[in-house]
Amino acid sequence: MNLSLQVMTPNKVVLTREATELILPTTTGQIGILQNHTSLLSALDTGIIKVLYQNEWTYLAVFGGFVMVEENDVTVIVNDAFTKDEVDTTVIETEFDTACKALEAATTQKEKIESSVSLKRAKVKLEHEKM
């Protein structure tokens, strides 16, 4: 029996599929989920969800949220998520450069935090694009 995975944002269902293994970016590090995993509720960090099904990995960039594992059902609710076809490499590289410059120019604590978050999102998108 496989895992049943559903990934959702507030606006849409991003991914619904079966999986044999998941690797998720939690706020305390990565966690692996296999079938018959114990029940779990965990916060997710910005990062890449890795989904294995029939010996093929699929990758999904996510930006904060929660994961709930109940029996073999895995529900992921995130603020935002991207598949590879939804991102343009040129746009991502521009976002990354802009975020780096904004972080260097930041003077207030608020500007530094906002710039750091933008940079982290851009890094995840770049990493996702390379997978």
C-alpha atoms as a PDB file:
ATOM      1  CA  MET A   1       0.000   0.000   0.000  1.00  0.00           C
ATOM      2  CA  ASN A   2       1.273   3.473  -0.920  1.00  0.00           C
ATOM      3  CA  LEU A   3       0.900   6.859   0.690  1.00  0.00           C
ATOM      4  CA  SER A   4      -1.891   9.098  -0.527  1.00  0.00           C
ATOM      5  CA  LEU A   5      -0.503  12.624  -0.883  1.00  0.00           C
ATOM      6  CA  GLN A   6      -2.389  15.868  -1.283  1.00  0.00           C
ATOM      7  CA  VAL A   7      -0.613  19.248  -1.425  1.00  0.00           C
ATOM      8  CA  MET A   8      -2.789  22.366  -1.181  1.00  0.00           C
ATOM      9  CA  THR A   9      -2.404  26.137  -1.044  1.00  0.00           C
ATOM     10  CA  PRO A  10      -5.184  28.546  -0.038  1.00  0.00           C
ATOM     11  CA  ASN A  11      -6.045  28.947  -3.756  1.00  0.00           C
ATOM     12  CA  LYS A  12      -5.669  25.507  -5.294  1.00  0.00           C
ATOM     13  CA  VAL A  13      -4.827  21.842  -5.006  1.00  0.00           C
ATOM     14  CA  VAL A  14      -1.259  21.675  -6.321  1.00  0.00           C
ATOM     15  CA  LEU A  15      -0.671  17.934  -6.300  1.00  0.00           C
ATOM     16  CA  THR A  16      -2.699  14.804  -5.625  1.00  0.00           C
ATOM     17  CA  ARG A  17      -0.957  11.476  -6.129  1.00  0.00           C
ATOM     18  CA  GLU A  18       0.293   8.264  -4.606  1.00  0.00           C
ATOM     19  CA  ALA A  19       3.801   8.043  -3.214  1.00  0.00           C
ATOM     20  CA  THR A  20       6.091   5.408  -1.751  1.00  0.00           C
ATOM     21  CA  GLU A  21       8.321   7.907   0.056  1.00  0.00           C
ATOM     22  CA  LEU A  22       8.260  11.613   0.933  1.00  0.00           C
ATOM     23  CA  ILE A  23      10.974  13.929   2.181  1.00  0.00           C
ATOM     24  CA  LEU A  24       9.647  17.156   3.678  1.00  0.00           C
ATOM     25  CA  PRO A  25      11.362  20.360   4.877  1.00  0.00           C
ATOM     26  CA  THR A  26      10.145  20.858   8.457  1.00  0.00           C
ATOM     27  CA  THR A  27      11.134  23.750  10.683  1.00  0.00           C
ATOM     28  CA  THR A  28      13.452  21.397  12.593  1.00  0.00           C
ATOM     29  CA  GLY A  29      15.035  19.701   9.571  1.00  0.00           C
ATOM     30  CA  GLN A  30      14.043  17.227   6.897  1.00  0.00           C
ATOM     31  CA  ILE A  31      11.726  14.332   7.678  1.00  0.00           C
ATOM     32  CA  GLY A  32      11.125  11.175   5.682  1.00  0.00           C
ATOM     33  CA  ILE A  33       7.689   9.580   5.489  1.00  0.00           C
ATOM     34  CA  LEU A  34       7.130   5.961   4.480  1.00  0.00           C
ATOM     35  CA  GLN A  35       3.940   3.914   4.544  1.00  0.00           C
ATOM     36  CA  ASN A  36       2.499   3.141   7.988  1.00  0.00           C
ATOM     37  CA  HIS A  37       4.271   6.167   9.469  1.00  0.00           C
ATOM     38  CA  THR A  38       3.083   7.149  12.921  1.00  0.00           C
ATOM     39  CA  SER A  39       0.542   9.993  13.058  1.00  0.00           C
ATOM     40  CA  LEU A  40       2.227  13.364  12.780  1.00  0.00           C
ATOM     41  CA  LEU A  41       1.461  17.071  12.662  1.00  0.00           C
ATOM     42  CA  SER A  42       4.451  19.285  11.875  1.00  0.00           C
ATOM     43  CA  ALA A  43       5.244  22.805  10.679  1.00  0.00           C
ATOM     44  CA  LEU A  44       6.935  23.041   7.286  1.00  0.00           C
ATOM     45  CA  ASP A  45       9.685  25.441   6.333  1.00  0.00           C
ATOM     46  CA  THR A  46      10.461  26.933   2.937  1.00  0.00           C
ATOM     47  CA  GLY A  47      12.098  24.162   0.930  1.00  0.00           C
ATOM     48  CA  ILE A  48      11.647  21.264  -1.481  1.00  0.00           C
ATOM     49  CA  ILE A  49       9.208  18.380  -1.038  1.00  0.00           C
ATOM     50  CA  LYS A  50      10.610  15.242  -2.648  1.00  0.00           C
ATOM     51  CA  VAL A  51       8.082  12.616  -3.739  1.00  0.00           C
ATOM     52  CA  LEU A  52       9.090   9.093  -4.799  1.00  0.00           C
ATOM     53  CA  TYR A  53       6.641   6.970  -6.756  1.00  0.00           C
ATOM     54  CA  GLN A  54       7.480   4.026  -9.030  1.00  0.00           C
ATOM     55  CA  ASN A  55      11.225   4.739  -8.763  1.00  0.00           C
ATOM     56  CA  GLU A  56      10.806   8.315 -10.024  1.00  0.00           C
ATOM     57  CA  TRP A  57      11.346  11.442  -7.925  1.00  0.00           C
ATOM     58  CA  THR A  58       9.120  14.505  -8.286  1.00  0.00           C
ATOM     59  CA  TYR A  59      10.019  17.832  -6.678  1.00  0.00           C
ATOM     60  CA  LEU A  60       7.815  20.626  -5.425  1.00  0.00           C
ATOM     61  CA  ALA A  61       9.002  23.970  -4.030  1.00  0.00           C
ATOM     62  CA  VAL A  62       6.935  24.972  -0.973  1.00  0.00           C
ATOM     63  CA  PHE A  63       6.872  28.060   1.190  1.00  0.00           C
ATOM     64  CA  GLY A  64       5.861  27.404   4.792  1.00  0.00           C
ATOM     65  CA  GLY A  65       2.865  25.470   6.057  1.00  0.00           C
ATOM     66  CA  PHE A  66       1.924  22.238   7.791  1.00  0.00           C
ATOM     67  CA  VAL A  67       1.938  18.510   7.148  1.00  0.00           C
ATOM     68  CA  MET A  68      -0.465  16.018   8.694  1.00  0.00           C
ATOM     69  CA  VAL A  69       0.108  12.267   8.469  1.00  0.00           C
ATOM     70  CA  GLU A  70      -2.778  10.010   9.470  1.00  0.00           C
ATOM     71  CA  GLU A  71      -2.431   6.311   8.633  1.00  0.00           C
ATOM     72  CA  ASN A  72      -1.236   6.431   4.996  1.00  0.00           C
ATOM     73  CA  ASP A  73      -2.861   9.775   4.146  1.00  0.00           C
ATOM     74  CA  VAL A  74      -0.508  12.757   3.962  1.00  0.00           C
ATOM     75  CA  THR A  75      -2.014  16.231   3.726  1.00  0.00           C
ATOM     76  CA  VAL A  76       0.278  19.196   3.107  1.00  0.00           C
ATOM     77  CA  ILE A  77      -1.112  22.712   3.439  1.00  0.00           C
ATOM     78  CA  VAL A  78       1.334  25.433   2.416  1.00  0.00           C
ATOM     79  CA  ASN A  79       1.288  29.179   1.791  1.00  0.00           C
ATOM     80  CA  ASP A  80       2.525  28.705  -1.767  1.00  0.00           C
ATOM     81  CA  ALA A  81       3.957  25.947  -3.963  1.00  0.00           C
ATOM     82  CA  PHE A  82       5.522  25.645  -7.404  1.00  0.00           C
ATOM     83  CA  THR A  83       6.129  22.795  -9.808  1.00  0.00           C
ATOM     84  CA  LYS A  84       8.984  23.017 -12.315  1.00  0.00           C
ATOM     85  CA  ASP A  85       6.694  24.063 -15.177  1.00  0.00           C
ATOM     86  CA  GLU A  86       5.420  27.058 -13.210  1.00  0.00           C
ATOM     87  CA  VAL A  87       8.760  28.856 -12.940  1.00  0.00           C
ATOM     88  CA  ASP A  88      10.971  30.655 -15.445  1.00  0.00           C
ATOM     89  CA  THR A  89      14.726  30.446 -14.866  1.00  0.00           C
ATOM     90  CA  THR A  90      15.330  34.038 -16.002  1.00  0.00           C
ATOM     91  CA  VAL A  91      12.687  35.367 -13.622  1.00  0.00           C
ATOM     92  CA  ILE A  92      14.098  33.292 -10.743  1.00  0.00           C
ATOM     93  CA  GLU A  93      17.644  34.551 -11.344  1.00  0.00           C
ATOM     94  CA  THR A  94      16.352  38.133 -11.404  1.00  0.00           C
ATOM     95  CA  GLU A  95      14.457  37.524  -8.134  1.00  0.00           C
ATOM     96  CA  PHE A  96      17.632  36.117  -6.581  1.00  0.00           C
ATOM     97  CA  ASP A  97      19.772  39.081  -7.672  1.00  0.00           C
ATOM     98  CA  THR A  98      17.145  41.555  -6.490  1.00  0.00           C
ATOM     99  CA  ALA A  99      16.870  39.799  -3.110  1.00  0.00           C
ATOM    100  CA  CYS A 100      20.686  39.811  -2.674  1.00  0.00           C
ATOM    101  CA  LYS A 101      20.880  43.519  -3.424  1.00  0.00           C
ATOM    102  CA  ALA A 102      17.946  44.280  -1.121  1.00  0.00           C
ATOM    103  CA  LEU A 103      19.614  42.372   1.716  1.00  0.00           C
ATOM    104  CA  GLU A 104      22.887  44.237   1.222  1.00  0.00           C
ATOM    105  CA  ALA A 105      21.055  47.579   1.194  1.00  0.00           C
ATOM    106  CA  ALA A 106      18.788  46.781   4.163  1.00  0.00           C
ATOM    107  CA  THR A 107      19.309  49.096   7.119  1.00  0.00           C
ATOM    108  CA  THR A 108      16.352  48.435   9.429  1.00  0.00           C
ATOM    109  CA  GLN A 109      15.573  45.147  11.146  1.00  0.00           C
ATOM    110  CA  LYS A 110      12.310  44.909   9.191  1.00  0.00           C
ATOM    111  CA  GLU A 111      14.091  45.373   5.857  1.00  0.00           C
ATOM    112  CA  LYS A 112      16.678  42.741   6.800  1.00  0.00           C
ATOM    113  CA  ILE A 113      13.989  40.197   7.728  1.00  0.00           C
ATOM    114  CA  GLU A 114      11.942  40.848   4.585  1.00  0.00           C
ATOM    115  CA  SER A 115      15.036  40.646   2.390  1.00  0.00           C
ATOM    116  CA  SER A 116      16.181  37.416   4.069  1.00  0.00           C
ATOM    117  CA  VAL A 117      12.780  35.818   3.441  1.00  0.00           C
ATOM    118  CA  SER A 118      12.844  36.913  -0.211  1.00  0.00           C
ATOM    119  CA  LEU A 119      16.365  35.551  -0.604  1.00  0.00           C
ATOM    120  CA  LYS A 120      15.412  32.213   0.965  1.00  0.00           C
ATOM    121  CA  ARG A 121      12.410  31.884  -1.390  1.00  0.00           C
ATOM    122  CA  ALA A 122      14.602  32.705  -4.400  1.00  0.00           C
ATOM    123  CA  LYS A 123      17.250  30.160  -3.317  1.00  0.00           C
ATOM    124  CA  VAL A 124      14.604  27.429  -3.027  1.00  0.00           C
ATOM    125  CA  LYS A 125      13.257  28.257  -6.482  1.00  0.00           C
ATOM    126  CA  LEU A 126      16.789  28.074  -7.934  1.00  0.00           C
ATOM    127  CA  GLU A 127      17.474  24.771  -6.172  1.00  0.00           C
ATOM    128  CA  HIS A 128      14.138  23.418  -7.417  1.00  0.00           C
ATOM    129  CA  GLU A 129      14.921  24.478 -10.973  1.00  0.00           C
ATOM    130  CA  LYS A 130      18.223  22.525 -10.894  1.00  0.00           C
ATOM    131  CA  MET A 131      16.600  19.256  -9.783  1.00  0.00           C
END
